[in-house]
């Protein structure tokens, strides 16, 4: 932001030098008061200044001076696509990821992917700050241009999960928090799944018709609930005083972070048995994400005393005692990841970037899951785009989506295959 502001500042200074300074000040002040929002970008600034000048009925020569100043600093329509490298298809432009605005245990992934369907949870910082319906979900298919927006007045819809033909998500209103869904690959009407008056239901995950979610009651208890495909509901954590977060479910297994966030729990749906394991450094670290493949559970531990570091852990689903740190990446900071049976993808800052220094943009990298577990993995690039790549989200095969800033905005983009090398 501080680097970018000098670009706009240079254009505005040129305007002030070449117009009457008092008039220039009035134009800029009016543009900020009437035409800009906290989410405005470079071209929005140009448009705002131009509209403000027109509202003050300036001359055509003054308007030409304003246009020349912005042109000289490269602030013109379509400038975003003129620089850098772009090698992906944009699914959603200028996105504000829900996890960045809402926080909590919302999945840190650019999109949820199931086959040819994707769902993007996003927020609107201006609407959110004003207390209106500031979160929605964009649903689409990779092979079609049409997208459908799931949104409701005076409700936040976020944290989607996909399963075959349906999407489930958390719905937050003034009256309560519950789990809702939409069929027909997200194109159907929004319907209630579970929303009880005496509890909040959050973090829904769905797989093969089953639904898991966290039920929080007024006393602070957080139970993991399983609603099976036949409609019966089971309390997976019936003991008193339970806490749960970062829920995951796949391949007949549920996993979550429990206790004070330093425990990993794995529940086998078929046998009804639960395993648990505390992380090795509970004093300074906690579990901040979990994901499941057909035979393993992976989780992210976030910690560090001065520098916020990340390490990735994995264990066989049948034996948490065999948990081990992935040897690669050997060092990661404020990192995000996605894993399938075939591939493991991550994006991370370096140590200097983690403490706020600019050392270059994050780049998403990927390797085969089996090789990473074996300690022999070789990471290659997901994309050769020139700026930041965050929150990678893997689908079938090499299908991947991520947050990309190559167009000077945060876009959700996708590729069918990984770039590999970028030489």
Protein backbone atom coordinates (compact mmCIF):
# COMPACT_ATOMS: atom_id res chain seq x y z
CA UNK A 1 0.00 0.00 0.00
CA UNK A 2 2.76 2.48 0.94
CA UNK A 3 4.71 1.74 -2.24
CA UNK A 4 1.60 2.00 -4.43
CA UNK A 5 0.44 5.27 -2.88
CA UNK A 6 3.45 7.08 -4.35
CA UNK A 7 2.16 6.25 -7.84
CA UNK A 8 -1.18 7.91 -7.18
CA UNK A 9 0.54 10.67 -5.22
CA UNK A 10 2.77 11.43 -8.21
CA UNK A 11 -0.23 11.84 -10.51
CA UNK A 12 -2.02 14.08 -8.02
CA UNK A 13 1.11 16.19 -7.53
CA UNK A 14 1.38 16.69 -11.30
CA UNK A 15 -2.24 17.80 -11.36
CA UNK A 16 -1.58 20.31 -8.59
CA UNK A 17 1.49 21.67 -10.39
CA UNK A 18 -0.36 22.17 -13.66
CA UNK A 19 -3.73 23.42 -12.38
CA UNK A 20 -4.56 26.17 -9.96
CA UNK A 21 -3.45 24.60 -6.64
CA UNK A 22 -6.62 25.60 -4.81
CA UNK A 23 -8.79 24.08 -7.55
CA UNK A 24 -6.69 20.91 -7.53
CA UNK A 25 -7.12 20.61 -3.77
CA UNK A 26 -10.90 20.98 -4.10
CA UNK A 27 -11.02 18.31 -6.80
CA UNK A 28 -9.01 15.79 -4.80
CA UNK A 29 -10.93 16.45 -1.60
CA UNK A 30 -14.27 16.05 -3.37
CA UNK A 31 -13.12 12.81 -5.03
CA UNK A 32 -12.20 11.35 -1.63
CA UNK A 33 -15.44 12.50 0.00
CA UNK A 34 -17.89 11.46 -2.73
CA UNK A 35 -16.43 8.89 -5.09
CA UNK A 36 -13.96 6.60 -3.30
CA UNK A 37 -14.28 3.65 -0.92
CA UNK A 38 -11.68 1.67 1.07
CA UNK A 39 -11.61 -0.88 -1.77
CA UNK A 40 -10.93 1.62 -4.58
CA UNK A 41 -8.01 0.93 -6.89
CA UNK A 42 -5.89 2.96 -9.30
CA UNK A 43 -8.47 3.34 -12.06
CA UNK A 44 -11.12 4.07 -9.44
CA UNK A 45 -8.94 6.99 -8.30
CA UNK A 46 -8.67 8.31 -11.85
CA UNK A 47 -12.42 8.03 -12.34
CA UNK A 48 -13.11 9.67 -8.98
CA UNK A 49 -10.87 12.66 -9.70
CA UNK A 50 -12.37 13.05 -13.17
CA UNK A 51 -15.94 12.94 -11.84
CA UNK A 52 -15.10 15.39 -9.06
CA UNK A 53 -13.57 17.78 -11.60
CA UNK A 54 -16.61 17.55 -13.86
CA UNK A 55 -18.91 18.22 -10.92
CA UNK A 56 -16.96 21.44 -10.32
CA UNK A 57 -17.48 22.33 -14.01
CA UNK A 58 -13.80 22.70 -14.86
CA UNK A 59 -12.72 23.49 -18.41
CA UNK A 60 -11.94 20.93 -21.11
CA UNK A 61 -8.30 22.02 -20.88
CA UNK A 62 -8.27 21.23 -17.14
CA UNK A 63 -9.80 17.81 -17.79
CA UNK A 64 -7.11 17.16 -20.40
CA UNK A 65 -4.43 18.11 -17.84
CA UNK A 66 -5.91 15.63 -15.34
CA UNK A 67 -5.99 12.87 -17.96
CA UNK A 68 -2.40 13.60 -18.98
CA UNK A 69 -1.20 13.35 -15.37
CA UNK A 70 -2.77 9.92 -14.86
CA UNK A 71 -1.54 8.71 -18.27
CA UNK A 72 2.00 9.76 -17.38
CA UNK A 73 1.92 7.53 -14.32
CA UNK A 74 0.38 4.54 -16.14
CA UNK A 75 -3.00 4.83 -14.43
CA UNK A 76 -5.31 4.06 -17.33
CA UNK A 77 -8.03 1.57 -18.20
CA UNK A 78 -6.67 -1.94 -18.56
CA UNK A 79 -3.30 -1.12 -16.98
CA UNK A 80 -3.58 -4.18 -14.74
CA UNK A 81 -3.08 -6.56 -17.66
CA UNK A 82 -0.19 -4.66 -19.26
CA UNK A 83 2.50 -5.69 -16.82
CA UNK A 84 3.68 -8.96 -15.38
CA UNK A 85 3.04 -12.52 -16.43
CA UNK A 86 -0.43 -14.07 -16.58
CA UNK A 87 -0.82 -17.79 -17.22
CA UNK A 88 -4.13 -18.72 -15.60
CA UNK A 89 -7.88 -18.36 -16.14
CA UNK A 90 -9.69 -15.92 -13.87
CA UNK A 91 -12.68 -17.40 -12.04
CA UNK A 92 -13.50 -14.34 -9.93
CA UNK A 93 -11.93 -10.89 -10.07
CA UNK A 94 -11.17 -8.43 -7.29
CA UNK A 95 -12.08 -10.91 -4.56
CA UNK A 96 -11.86 -10.24 -0.85
CA UNK A 97 -11.32 -13.74 0.64
CA UNK A 98 -13.74 -14.49 3.47
CA UNK A 99 -10.99 -15.88 5.70
CA UNK A 100 -9.13 -12.55 5.57
CA UNK A 101 -12.15 -10.52 6.70
CA UNK A 102 -14.07 -12.89 8.94
CA UNK A 103 -11.15 -14.89 10.32
CA UNK A 104 -11.96 -17.66 12.76
CA UNK A 105 -11.70 -21.17 11.36
CA UNK A 106 -12.86 -20.31 7.84
CA UNK A 107 -10.86 -22.41 5.36
CA UNK A 108 -7.79 -20.62 4.01
CA UNK A 109 -8.29 -21.78 0.45
CA UNK A 110 -9.05 -19.77 -2.66
CA UNK A 111 -11.90 -22.12 -3.58
CA UNK A 112 -13.53 -25.39 -2.67
CA UNK A 113 -13.38 -27.82 -5.59
CA UNK A 114 -15.38 -30.98 -6.28
CA UNK A 115 -15.04 -32.37 -9.78
CA UNK A 116 -16.01 -29.66 -12.23
CA UNK A 117 -17.65 -27.45 -9.58
CA UNK A 118 -16.00 -24.71 -7.54
CA UNK A 119 -17.24 -22.49 -4.73
CA UNK A 120 -15.57 -19.24 -3.67
CA UNK A 121 -16.37 -17.69 -0.30
CA UNK A 122 -15.84 -13.95 -0.37
CA UNK A 123 -16.52 -10.83 1.63
CA UNK A 124 -17.18 -7.14 1.08
CA UNK A 125 -15.26 -5.03 3.58
CA UNK A 126 -17.41 -1.93 3.04
CA UNK A 127 -20.71 -3.76 3.45
CA UNK A 128 -19.34 -5.81 6.34
CA UNK A 129 -18.27 -2.69 8.19
CA UNK A 130 -21.72 -1.20 7.67
CA UNK A 131 -23.39 -4.28 9.13
CA UNK A 132 -25.11 -5.46 5.97
CA UNK A 133 -24.94 -8.77 4.12
CA UNK A 134 -21.22 -8.73 3.57
CA UNK A 135 -20.41 -12.36 2.71
CA UNK A 136 -21.52 -14.48 -0.20
CA UNK A 137 -20.46 -17.54 -2.19
CA UNK A 138 -19.80 -17.68 -5.93
CA UNK A 139 -20.54 -21.09 -7.44
CA UNK A 140 -19.51 -22.11 -10.94
CA UNK A 141 -18.23 -24.87 -13.18
CA UNK A 142 -14.83 -24.92 -14.81
CA UNK A 143 -16.27 -25.82 -18.22
CA UNK A 144 -18.94 -23.08 -18.21
CA UNK A 145 -18.83 -19.28 -18.00
CA UNK A 146 -22.07 -18.89 -16.05
CA UNK A 147 -21.73 -18.36 -12.32
CA UNK A 148 -24.35 -18.27 -9.59
CA UNK A 149 -24.12 -16.05 -6.53
CA UNK A 150 -25.42 -17.43 -3.24
CA UNK A 151 -26.39 -14.42 -1.13
CA UNK A 152 -29.16 -13.35 1.20
CA UNK A 153 -30.16 -10.00 2.59
CA UNK A 154 -29.04 -9.47 6.20
CA UNK A 155 -27.16 -12.79 6.25
CA UNK A 156 -23.55 -13.84 5.98
CA UNK A 157 -23.00 -16.98 3.89
CA UNK A 158 -19.49 -18.38 4.19
CA UNK A 159 -17.22 -21.41 4.57
CA UNK A 160 -18.64 -23.57 1.75
CA UNK A 161 -18.13 -27.32 1.33
CA UNK A 162 -18.97 -29.28 -1.82
CA UNK A 163 -20.18 -32.84 -2.24
CA UNK A 164 -21.49 -34.11 -5.54
CA UNK A 165 -24.54 -32.07 -6.43
CA UNK A 166 -24.85 -29.98 -3.27
CA UNK A 167 -23.08 -27.20 -1.44
CA UNK A 168 -23.34 -26.60 2.31
CA UNK A 169 -22.23 -23.51 4.21
CA UNK A 170 -22.54 -21.52 7.41
CA UNK A 171 -25.35 -18.95 7.51
CA UNK A 172 -25.06 -16.14 10.07
CA UNK A 173 -27.95 -13.81 10.91
CA UNK A 174 -29.06 -11.72 13.87
CA UNK A 175 -31.28 -14.64 14.91
CA UNK A 176 -28.57 -17.29 15.00
CA UNK A 177 -25.98 -19.34 13.16
CA UNK A 178 -26.76 -22.55 11.32
CA UNK A 179 -25.87 -24.84 8.44
CA UNK A 180 -27.71 -24.33 5.16
CA UNK A 181 -27.28 -25.71 1.68
CA UNK A 182 -28.26 -25.58 -1.97
CA UNK A 183 -28.69 -28.46 -4.39
CA UNK A 184 -28.25 -28.71 -8.15
CA UNK A 185 -24.52 -27.91 -7.87
CA UNK A 186 -25.28 -24.74 -5.97
CA UNK A 187 -27.89 -23.52 -8.44
CA UNK A 188 -30.90 -24.57 -6.35
CA UNK A 189 -32.69 -22.61 -3.64
CA UNK A 190 -31.09 -22.11 -0.23
CA UNK A 191 -32.56 -24.47 2.39
CA UNK A 192 -32.00 -25.03 6.08
CA UNK A 193 -30.17 -28.20 7.06
CA UNK A 194 -29.63 -27.65 10.78
CA UNK A 195 -30.24 -24.41 12.70
CA UNK A 196 -31.34 -24.90 16.30
CA UNK A 197 -32.37 -22.05 18.62
CA UNK A 198 -30.19 -23.20 21.52
CA UNK A 199 -26.87 -23.58 19.66
CA UNK A 200 -24.73 -22.28 16.79
CA UNK A 201 -23.77 -24.71 14.03
CA UNK A 202 -20.61 -23.86 12.07
CA UNK A 203 -17.76 -25.26 9.93
CA UNK A 204 -19.87 -27.67 7.86
CA UNK A 205 -18.07 -30.30 5.79
CA UNK A 206 -19.84 -32.79 3.56
CA UNK A 207 -18.73 -36.04 1.95
CA UNK A 208 -20.74 -38.81 0.25
CA UNK A 209 -24.03 -37.47 1.61
CA UNK A 210 -22.83 -37.20 5.22
CA UNK A 211 -22.47 -33.87 7.01
CA UNK A 212 -20.22 -32.95 9.92
CA UNK A 213 -20.32 -29.64 11.77
CA UNK A 214 -19.43 -28.04 15.10
CA UNK A 215 -22.26 -27.34 17.53
CA UNK A 216 -21.51 -24.57 20.04
CA UNK A 217 -23.81 -24.10 23.02
CA UNK A 218 -24.20 -21.17 25.42
CA UNK A 219 -21.82 -22.74 27.96
CA UNK A 220 -19.00 -22.70 25.38
CA UNK A 221 -19.04 -26.43 24.63
CA UNK A 222 -18.10 -27.26 21.05
CA UNK A 223 -19.24 -30.71 19.96
CA UNK A 224 -18.45 -32.38 16.66
CA UNK A 225 -21.74 -33.58 15.19
CA UNK A 226 -22.17 -36.12 12.39
CA UNK A 227 -25.35 -36.22 10.35
CA UNK A 228 -25.20 -39.43 8.35
CA UNK A 229 -26.55 -39.89 4.85
CA UNK A 230 -29.62 -41.65 6.29
CA UNK A 231 -30.49 -38.55 8.35
CA UNK A 232 -29.47 -39.85 11.80
CA UNK A 233 -27.27 -37.53 13.88
CA UNK A 234 -24.44 -38.64 16.18
CA UNK A 235 -22.56 -36.57 18.76
CA UNK A 236 -18.97 -37.60 18.02
CA UNK A 237 -17.70 -35.87 21.18
CA UNK A 238 -20.27 -36.67 23.90
CA UNK A 239 -17.89 -36.02 26.80
CA UNK A 240 -18.30 -32.74 28.68
CA UNK A 241 -16.15 -29.67 28.08
CA UNK A 242 -15.07 -30.39 24.52
CA UNK A 243 -13.59 -27.80 22.17
CA UNK A 244 -13.22 -28.20 18.42
CA UNK A 245 -12.07 -26.24 15.38
CA UNK A 246 -10.72 -26.70 11.83
CA UNK A 247 -13.08 -29.55 11.00
CA UNK A 248 -12.30 -31.84 8.05
CA UNK A 249 -14.10 -34.90 6.67
CA UNK A 250 -13.26 -37.20 3.79
CA UNK A 251 -13.11 -40.91 2.98
CA UNK A 252 -15.15 -41.93 6.04
CA UNK A 253 -12.96 -40.00 8.48
CA UNK A 254 -13.46 -36.81 10.50
CA UNK A 255 -10.53 -34.80 11.89
CA UNK A 256 -10.37 -31.67 14.01
CA UNK A 257 -8.22 -29.65 16.38
CA UNK A 258 -9.38 -30.02 19.95
CA UNK A 259 -8.75 -28.95 23.49
CA UNK A 260 -6.74 -25.74 23.57
CA UNK A 261 -5.90 -26.16 19.89
CA UNK A 262 -2.88 -28.35 20.54
CA UNK A 263 -4.59 -31.72 20.05
CA UNK A 264 -5.35 -33.57 16.81
CA UNK A 265 -8.40 -35.86 16.80
CA UNK A 266 -9.33 -38.44 14.16
CA UNK A 267 -12.70 -40.23 14.16
CA UNK A 268 -13.45 -43.33 12.08
CA UNK A 269 -17.10 -43.16 11.05
CA UNK A 270 -17.42 -46.90 10.32
CA UNK A 271 -16.12 -48.06 13.71
CA UNK A 272 -17.07 -45.04 15.83
CA UNK A 273 -13.57 -44.91 17.34
CA UNK A 274 -11.49 -41.81 18.07
CA UNK A 275 -7.73 -41.29 18.21
CA UNK A 276 -6.03 -38.26 19.68
CA UNK A 277 -2.51 -36.88 19.80
CA UNK A 278 -1.06 -33.72 21.29
CA UNK A 279 1.44 -31.78 19.21
CA UNK A 280 5.08 -31.82 20.27
CA UNK A 281 5.35 -28.10 21.15
CA UNK A 282 2.05 -27.13 22.79
CA UNK A 283 3.50 -24.16 24.65
CA UNK A 284 4.24 -22.03 21.58
CA UNK A 285 2.33 -23.78 18.76
CA UNK A 286 -1.22 -24.76 17.82
CA UNK A 287 -3.03 -26.64 15.06
CA UNK A 288 -4.32 -24.14 12.50
CA UNK A 289 -5.55 -26.35 9.62
CA UNK A 290 -6.27 -30.04 8.94
CA UNK A 291 -6.88 -31.94 5.70
CA UNK A 292 -7.47 -35.60 4.90
CA UNK A 293 -6.51 -37.92 2.07
CA UNK A 294 -7.64 -41.52 1.63
CA UNK A 295 -4.96 -42.87 3.99
CA UNK A 296 -3.43 -39.93 5.89
CA UNK A 297 -4.23 -36.82 7.88
CA UNK A 298 -2.18 -33.68 7.35
CA UNK A 299 -2.13 -30.64 9.58
CA UNK A 300 -0.44 -27.30 9.91
CA UNK A 301 1.15 -26.18 13.17
CA UNK A 302 1.57 -22.44 13.60
CA UNK A 303 3.91 -21.08 16.24
CA UNK A 304 7.21 -19.42 16.85
CA UNK A 305 8.26 -17.09 19.63
CA UNK A 306 9.34 -14.06 17.58
CA UNK A 307 8.86 -15.16 13.96
CA UNK A 308 5.50 -16.78 13.05
CA UNK A 309 6.69 -20.10 11.65
CA UNK A 310 4.77 -22.99 10.12
CA UNK A 311 5.44 -26.69 9.97
CA UNK A 312 3.46 -29.37 8.18
CA UNK A 313 2.74 -32.68 9.89
CA UNK A 314 1.28 -35.96 8.64
CA UNK A 315 0.24 -39.31 10.10
CA UNK A 316 -1.47 -42.47 8.85
CA UNK A 317 -5.20 -42.34 9.53
CA UNK A 318 -4.93 -45.58 11.47
CA UNK A 319 -2.10 -44.53 13.78
CA UNK A 320 -1.56 -40.95 14.96
CA UNK A 321 1.43 -42.09 17.02
CA UNK A 322 3.39 -42.26 13.76
CA UNK A 323 2.98 -38.54 13.10
CA UNK A 324 6.03 -36.87 11.61
CA UNK A 325 7.04 -33.49 10.28
CA UNK A 326 7.29 -33.24 6.52
CA UNK A 327 10.94 -32.70 5.69
CA UNK A 328 10.03 -30.46 2.76
CA UNK A 329 9.42 -27.61 2.89
CA UNK A 330 12.11 -27.43 5.54
CA UNK A 331 11.10 -23.93 6.59
CA UNK A 332 7.81 -22.12 6.08
CA UNK A 333 6.27 -18.97 7.52
CA UNK A 334 2.58 -17.98 7.55
CA UNK A 335 2.09 -20.80 5.04
CA UNK A 336 -1.08 -22.27 3.52
CA UNK A 337 -1.55 -25.70 1.98
CA UNK A 338 -3.83 -28.07 0.10
CA UNK A 339 -3.45 -31.82 -0.29
CA UNK A 340 -5.03 -34.66 -2.27
CA UNK A 341 -4.04 -38.29 -2.73
CA UNK A 342 -1.91 -37.18 -5.68
CA UNK A 343 -0.44 -33.79 -4.81
CA UNK A 344 0.61 -31.50 -1.96
CA UNK A 345 0.66 -27.74 -2.66
CA UNK A 346 1.72 -24.90 -0.41
CA UNK A 347 2.53 -21.18 -0.44
CA UNK A 348 4.76 -19.51 2.12
CA UNK A 349 6.68 -16.36 3.00
CA UNK A 350 10.34 -16.57 3.93
CA UNK A 351 11.52 -15.56 7.41
CA UNK A 352 11.98 -11.90 6.53
CA UNK A 353 8.60 -11.70 4.87
CA UNK A 354 6.98 -13.19 7.96
CA UNK A 355 8.08 -10.23 10.07
CA UNK A 356 6.90 -7.65 7.57
CA UNK A 357 9.89 -7.09 5.26
CA UNK A 358 9.29 -7.16 1.52
CA UNK A 359 11.36 -9.99 0.08
CA UNK A 360 9.19 -10.84 -2.89
CA UNK A 361 5.75 -12.38 -3.43
CA UNK A 362 4.67 -15.80 -2.21
CA UNK A 363 4.80 -18.49 -4.92
CA UNK A 364 2.66 -21.63 -4.75
CA UNK A 365 4.61 -24.85 -5.21
CA UNK A 366 3.52 -28.45 -5.65
CA UNK A 367 4.94 -31.98 -5.40
CA UNK A 368 3.57 -35.50 -5.36
CA UNK A 369 2.04 -36.41 -2.02
CA UNK A 370 3.69 -39.84 -1.83
CA UNK A 371 7.11 -38.30 -2.45
CA UNK A 372 6.56 -35.62 0.19
CA UNK A 373 5.61 -38.24 2.78
CA UNK A 374 8.66 -40.28 1.83
CA UNK A 375 10.93 -37.23 2.14
CA UNK A 376 11.98 -37.33 -1.51
CA UNK A 377 9.62 -34.77 -2.98
CA UNK A 378 10.79 -32.15 -5.45
CA UNK A 379 8.62 -29.05 -5.60
CA UNK A 380 7.85 -27.28 -8.85
CA UNK A 381 5.87 -24.15 -9.62
CA UNK A 382 2.09 -24.13 -9.85
CA UNK A 383 2.17 -21.01 -12.02
CA UNK A 384 4.65 -18.61 -13.56
CA UNK A 385 2.51 -15.54 -12.87
CA UNK A 386 4.70 -12.69 -11.74
CA UNK A 387 3.19 -11.60 -8.45
CA UNK A 388 1.76 -13.28 -5.34
CA UNK A 389 0.12 -16.71 -5.30
CA UNK A 390 -1.74 -17.51 -2.09
CA UNK A 391 -4.20 -20.05 -0.66
CA UNK A 392 -3.71 -22.91 -3.17
CA UNK A 393 -6.70 -25.22 -3.62
CA UNK A 394 -6.28 -28.59 -5.33
CA UNK A 395 -8.96 -30.42 -7.28
CA UNK A 396 -8.92 -33.57 -9.40
CA UNK A 397 -5.66 -34.37 -11.17
CA UNK A 398 -3.60 -31.20 -11.61
CA UNK A 399 -6.58 -28.85 -11.40
CA UNK A 400 -5.67 -26.05 -8.99
CA UNK A 401 -7.02 -22.65 -7.99
CA UNK A 402 -5.29 -19.92 -6.00
CA UNK A 403 -5.42 -16.24 -5.10
CA UNK A 404 -3.36 -14.31 -7.62
CA UNK A 405 -2.35 -10.64 -7.61
CA UNK A 406 -0.79 -10.39 -11.08
CA UNK A 407 -3.58 -8.04 -12.21
CA UNK A 408 -3.01 -5.67 -9.25
CA UNK A 409 -6.08 -7.05 -7.51
CA UNK A 410 -6.80 -10.27 -5.66
CA UNK A 411 -8.31 -12.66 -8.21
CA UNK A 412 -9.22 -16.32 -7.89
CA UNK A 413 -7.58 -18.02 -10.87
CA UNK A 414 -7.15 -21.60 -12.04
CA UNK A 415 -5.04 -23.89 -14.20
CA UNK A 416 -5.79 -27.40 -15.48
CA UNK A 417 -2.11 -28.37 -15.23
CA UNK A 418 0.85 -27.15 -13.19
CA UNK A 419 3.40 -24.87 -14.83
CA UNK A 420 6.38 -26.93 -13.64
CA UNK A 421 9.45 -24.79 -14.33
CA UNK A 422 9.41 -21.07 -15.07
CA UNK A 423 12.79 -20.64 -16.76
